[in-house]
Amino acid sequence: MRVEDAPARSPPRLVIDSNVWISAALSPHGAPAQLIRRVLAGGTVVFSADTFAELEQRLWKPKFDRYLNTERRHLILHDLSAIAFWVEPPPAITG
């Protein structure tokens, strides 16, 4: 099979931990930020309402006030919300 004949693949969908997002925001040239840039260049970021709420809650912690101003935090959350592939997790299995 030649490469031209191979079926096209859709970009990978990836869930990124909130710690990685926050580290990337705090250090735009660090390894987490580099990872995020690579993911965004060739993949799709996945969020559920719960995972996004976790990131939002953690990003607004006062300990980040001296590193990220209000405008920057709003921009990060707005941009991620706009580019994300949104999923609804299946219901929990109880037994």
N, C-alpha and C. Protein backbone atom coordinates (compact mmCIF):
# COMPACT_ATOMS: atom_id res chain seq x y z
N MET A 1 0.84 -1.18 0.00
CA MET A 1 0.00 0.00 0.00
C MET A 1 0.89 1.24 0.00
N ARG A 2 0.58 2.13 -0.87
CA ARG A 2 1.31 3.39 -0.93
C ARG A 2 0.68 4.38 0.05
N VAL A 3 1.48 5.34 0.45
CA VAL A 3 0.99 6.36 1.39
C VAL A 3 -0.22 7.08 0.81
N GLU A 4 -0.19 7.35 -0.49
CA GLU A 4 -1.30 8.08 -1.11
C GLU A 4 -2.61 7.28 -1.03
N ASP A 5 -2.50 5.95 -0.94
CA ASP A 5 -3.68 5.10 -0.90
C ASP A 5 -4.21 4.89 0.52
N ALA A 6 -3.43 5.26 1.50
CA ALA A 6 -3.85 5.06 2.89
C ALA A 6 -5.04 5.95 3.20
N PRO A 7 -5.98 5.44 3.99
CA PRO A 7 -7.13 6.28 4.36
C PRO A 7 -6.68 7.47 5.19
N ALA A 8 -7.34 8.58 5.00
CA ALA A 8 -7.02 9.79 5.76
C ALA A 8 -7.40 9.58 7.22
N ARG A 9 -6.54 10.03 8.08
CA ARG A 9 -6.81 9.93 9.52
C ARG A 9 -7.33 11.26 10.01
N SER A 10 -8.25 11.18 10.94
CA SER A 10 -8.70 12.42 11.56
C SER A 10 -7.68 12.79 12.65
N PRO A 11 -7.58 14.06 12.97
CA PRO A 11 -6.62 14.48 14.00
C PRO A 11 -6.93 13.79 15.32
N PRO A 12 -5.90 13.47 16.11
CA PRO A 12 -6.16 12.85 17.40
C PRO A 12 -6.91 13.80 18.33
N ARG A 13 -7.75 13.24 19.13
CA ARG A 13 -8.46 14.01 20.17
C ARG A 13 -7.80 13.72 21.50
N LEU A 14 -7.44 14.78 22.21
CA LEU A 14 -6.64 14.62 23.42
C LEU A 14 -7.24 15.38 24.59
N VAL A 15 -7.22 14.74 25.74
CA VAL A 15 -7.60 15.39 27.00
C VAL A 15 -6.31 15.77 27.70
N ILE A 16 -6.19 17.03 28.06
CA ILE A 16 -4.98 17.52 28.72
C ILE A 16 -5.34 17.94 30.14
N ASP A 17 -4.58 17.45 31.08
CA ASP A 17 -4.82 17.73 32.49
C ASP A 17 -4.75 19.23 32.78
N SER A 18 -5.57 19.67 33.72
CA SER A 18 -5.60 21.10 34.05
C SER A 18 -4.24 21.61 34.54
N ASN A 19 -3.45 20.76 35.19
CA ASN A 19 -2.11 21.17 35.63
C ASN A 19 -1.23 21.56 34.44
N VAL A 20 -1.38 20.86 33.33
CA VAL A 20 -0.57 21.16 32.14
C VAL A 20 -1.00 22.50 31.56
N TRP A 21 -2.32 22.74 31.47
CA TRP A 21 -2.81 24.02 30.96
C TRP A 21 -2.29 25.17 31.81
N ILE A 22 -2.36 25.01 33.12
CA ILE A 22 -1.93 26.09 34.02
C ILE A 22 -0.42 26.30 33.92
N SER A 23 0.34 25.23 33.88
CA SER A 23 1.79 25.36 33.73
C SER A 23 2.14 26.07 32.43
N ALA A 24 1.42 25.75 31.37
CA ALA A 24 1.66 26.39 30.07
C ALA A 24 1.35 27.89 30.14
N ALA A 25 0.29 28.24 30.84
CA ALA A 25 -0.08 29.65 30.98
C ALA A 25 0.96 30.42 31.80
N LEU A 26 1.50 29.77 32.81
CA LEU A 26 2.47 30.43 33.68
C LEU A 26 3.86 30.53 33.06
N SER A 27 4.18 29.59 32.20
CA SER A 27 5.51 29.56 31.59
C SER A 27 5.38 29.28 30.09
N PRO A 28 5.13 30.32 29.28
CA PRO A 28 4.84 30.14 27.86
C PRO A 28 5.96 29.51 27.04
N HIS A 29 7.17 29.43 27.58
CA HIS A 29 8.28 28.83 26.84
C HIS A 29 8.69 27.47 27.40
N GLY A 30 8.00 27.02 28.44
CA GLY A 30 8.34 25.75 29.08
C GLY A 30 7.80 24.54 28.32
N ALA A 31 8.15 23.37 28.82
CA ALA A 31 7.75 22.11 28.18
C ALA A 31 6.23 21.96 28.07
N PRO A 32 5.45 22.28 29.11
CA PRO A 32 4.00 22.15 28.96
C PRO A 32 3.44 23.02 27.83
N ALA A 33 3.95 24.24 27.71
CA ALA A 33 3.49 25.13 26.64
C ALA A 33 3.88 24.59 25.27
N GLN A 34 5.07 24.01 25.18
CA GLN A 34 5.49 23.40 23.91
C GLN A 34 4.58 22.23 23.55
N LEU A 35 4.24 21.42 24.54
CA LEU A 35 3.32 20.30 24.32
C LEU A 35 1.98 20.81 23.81
N ILE A 36 1.44 21.82 24.46
CA ILE A 36 0.15 22.39 24.06
C ILE A 36 0.21 22.89 22.62
N ARG A 37 1.27 23.59 22.26
CA ARG A 37 1.39 24.09 20.89
C ARG A 37 1.41 22.95 19.88
N ARG A 38 2.10 21.87 20.20
CA ARG A 38 2.14 20.72 19.29
C ARG A 38 0.77 20.06 19.17
N VAL A 39 0.09 19.94 20.29
CA VAL A 39 -1.26 19.36 20.26
C VAL A 39 -2.18 20.22 19.41
N LEU A 40 -2.15 21.52 19.62
CA LEU A 40 -3.04 22.42 18.88
C LEU A 40 -2.71 22.45 17.39
N ALA A 41 -1.45 22.21 17.05
CA ALA A 41 -1.05 22.21 15.64
C ALA A 41 -1.53 20.97 14.90
N GLY A 42 -1.72 19.87 15.62
CA GLY A 42 -2.08 18.65 14.90
C GLY A 42 -3.16 17.81 15.53
N GLY A 43 -3.82 18.33 16.53
CA GLY A 43 -4.83 17.54 17.22
C GLY A 43 -6.00 18.39 17.65
N THR A 44 -6.90 17.76 18.36
CA THR A 44 -8.09 18.42 18.86
C THR A 44 -8.15 18.25 20.37
N VAL A 45 -8.35 19.34 21.07
CA VAL A 45 -8.45 19.32 22.53
C VAL A 45 -9.88 18.97 22.92
N VAL A 46 -10.01 18.06 23.87
CA VAL A 46 -11.32 17.58 24.31
C VAL A 46 -11.59 18.07 25.73
N PHE A 47 -12.78 18.60 25.93
CA PHE A 47 -13.25 18.99 27.26
C PHE A 47 -14.66 18.48 27.47
N SER A 48 -14.97 18.20 28.71
CA SER A 48 -16.36 18.03 29.13
C SER A 48 -16.67 19.25 29.99
N ALA A 49 -17.92 19.44 30.32
CA ALA A 49 -18.27 20.57 31.19
C ALA A 49 -17.52 20.47 32.52
N ASP A 50 -17.37 19.25 33.03
CA ASP A 50 -16.69 19.06 34.32
C ASP A 50 -15.19 19.35 34.23
N THR A 51 -14.53 18.88 33.17
CA THR A 51 -13.09 19.12 33.07
C THR A 51 -12.79 20.60 32.82
N PHE A 52 -13.67 21.26 32.07
CA PHE A 52 -13.48 22.69 31.83
C PHE A 52 -13.73 23.47 33.12
N ALA A 53 -14.75 23.08 33.87
CA ALA A 53 -15.04 23.75 35.15
C ALA A 53 -13.87 23.59 36.12
N GLU A 54 -13.23 22.42 36.11
CA GLU A 54 -12.06 22.20 36.96
C GLU A 54 -10.94 23.16 36.59
N LEU A 55 -10.66 23.28 35.30
CA LEU A 55 -9.61 24.20 34.85
C LEU A 55 -9.97 25.64 35.23
N GLU A 56 -11.20 26.01 34.98
CA GLU A 56 -11.65 27.37 35.29
C GLU A 56 -11.50 27.67 36.78
N GLN A 57 -11.94 26.76 37.61
CA GLN A 57 -11.86 26.95 39.06
C GLN A 57 -10.41 27.08 39.52
N ARG A 58 -9.55 26.25 39.00
CA ARG A 58 -8.15 26.28 39.41
C ARG A 58 -7.44 27.52 38.87
N LEU A 59 -7.77 27.92 37.65
CA LEU A 59 -7.12 29.08 37.04
C LEU A 59 -7.44 30.37 37.80
N TRP A 60 -8.59 30.42 38.45
CA TRP A 60 -8.98 31.63 39.18
C TRP A 60 -8.51 31.65 40.63
N LYS A 61 -7.71 30.68 41.03
CA LYS A 61 -7.20 30.70 42.41
C LYS A 61 -6.33 31.94 42.62
N PRO A 62 -6.47 32.57 43.78
CA PRO A 62 -5.71 33.80 44.07
C PRO A 62 -4.20 33.63 43.96
N LYS A 63 -3.69 32.42 44.16
CA LYS A 63 -2.23 32.25 44.09
C LYS A 63 -1.66 32.54 42.71
N PHE A 64 -2.51 32.60 41.67
CA PHE A 64 -2.04 32.90 40.33
C PHE A 64 -2.20 34.38 39.97
N ASP A 65 -2.75 35.18 40.89
CA ASP A 65 -3.01 36.60 40.60
C ASP A 65 -1.76 37.36 40.16
N ARG A 66 -0.63 37.06 40.75
CA ARG A 66 0.57 37.82 40.40
C ARG A 66 1.19 37.37 39.08
N TYR A 67 0.71 36.25 38.53
CA TYR A 67 1.26 35.74 37.27
C TYR A 67 0.32 35.94 36.08
N LEU A 68 -0.97 35.89 36.34
CA LEU A 68 -1.97 35.99 35.27
C LEU A 68 -3.02 37.02 35.64
N ASN A 69 -3.13 38.07 34.84
CA ASN A 69 -4.15 39.07 35.13
C ASN A 69 -5.53 38.56 34.69
N THR A 70 -6.54 39.29 35.05
CA THR A 70 -7.92 38.89 34.75
C THR A 70 -8.15 38.74 33.26
N GLU A 71 -7.65 39.69 32.49
CA GLU A 71 -7.85 39.64 31.04
C GLU A 71 -7.23 38.38 30.43
N ARG A 72 -6.02 38.05 30.87
CA ARG A 72 -5.34 36.86 30.34
C ARG A 72 -6.12 35.59 30.67
N ARG A 73 -6.62 35.49 31.89
CA ARG A 73 -7.39 34.30 32.28
C ARG A 73 -8.67 34.19 31.46
N HIS A 74 -9.36 35.31 31.29
CA HIS A 74 -10.58 35.28 30.46
C HIS A 74 -10.25 34.85 29.03
N LEU A 75 -9.16 35.36 28.50
CA LEU A 75 -8.77 35.03 27.13
C LEU A 75 -8.44 33.54 26.99
N ILE A 76 -7.69 33.00 27.92
CA ILE A 76 -7.36 31.57 27.89
C ILE A 76 -8.63 30.73 27.88
N LEU A 77 -9.53 31.01 28.80
CA LEU A 77 -10.76 30.22 28.90
C LEU A 77 -11.65 30.40 27.67
N HIS A 78 -11.74 31.61 27.18
CA HIS A 78 -12.55 31.87 25.98
C HIS A 78 -12.00 31.11 24.78
N ASP A 79 -10.69 31.22 24.57
CA ASP A 79 -10.07 30.56 23.42
C ASP A 79 -10.19 29.04 23.50
N LEU A 80 -9.95 28.49 24.68
CA LEU A 80 -10.08 27.04 24.83
C LEU A 80 -11.51 26.58 24.60
N SER A 81 -12.45 27.33 25.11
CA SER A 81 -13.86 26.99 24.91
C SER A 81 -14.21 26.99 23.44
N ALA A 82 -13.65 27.92 22.69
CA ALA A 82 -13.97 28.04 21.27
C ALA A 82 -13.38 26.93 20.42
N ILE A 83 -12.20 26.44 20.77
CA ILE A 83 -11.54 25.44 19.93
C ILE A 83 -11.78 24.00 20.37
N ALA A 84 -12.34 23.83 21.55
CA ALA A 84 -12.47 22.49 22.12
C ALA A 84 -13.51 21.65 21.39
N PHE A 85 -13.27 20.35 21.42
CA PHE A 85 -14.27 19.37 21.03
C PHE A 85 -14.95 18.99 22.34
N TRP A 86 -16.24 19.27 22.43
CA TRP A 86 -16.97 19.08 23.68
C TRP A 86 -17.62 17.70 23.71
N VAL A 87 -17.47 17.01 24.84
CA VAL A 87 -18.07 15.69 25.01
C VAL A 87 -18.90 15.68 26.28
N GLU A 88 -19.83 14.77 26.29
CA GLU A 88 -20.61 14.53 27.50
C GLU A 88 -20.27 13.13 27.98
N PRO A 89 -19.66 13.02 29.16
CA PRO A 89 -19.27 11.69 29.64
C PRO A 89 -20.51 10.81 29.82
N PRO A 90 -20.33 9.51 29.65
CA PRO A 90 -21.45 8.60 29.89
C PRO A 90 -21.81 8.59 31.37
N PRO A 91 -23.02 8.18 31.69
CA PRO A 91 -23.41 8.13 33.10
C PRO A 91 -22.53 7.13 33.87
N ALA A 92 -22.36 7.41 35.14
CA ALA A 92 -21.56 6.53 35.99
C ALA A 92 -22.25 5.18 36.13
N ILE A 93 -21.45 4.15 36.22
CA ILE A 93 -21.98 2.80 36.42
C ILE A 93 -22.02 2.54 37.92
N THR A 94 -23.17 2.19 38.40
CA THR A 94 -23.31 1.88 39.82
C THR A 94 -23.61 0.39 39.94
N GLY A 95 -23.20 -0.14 41.02
CA GLY A 95 -23.35 -1.56 41.04
C GLY A 95 -23.76 -2.21 42.24
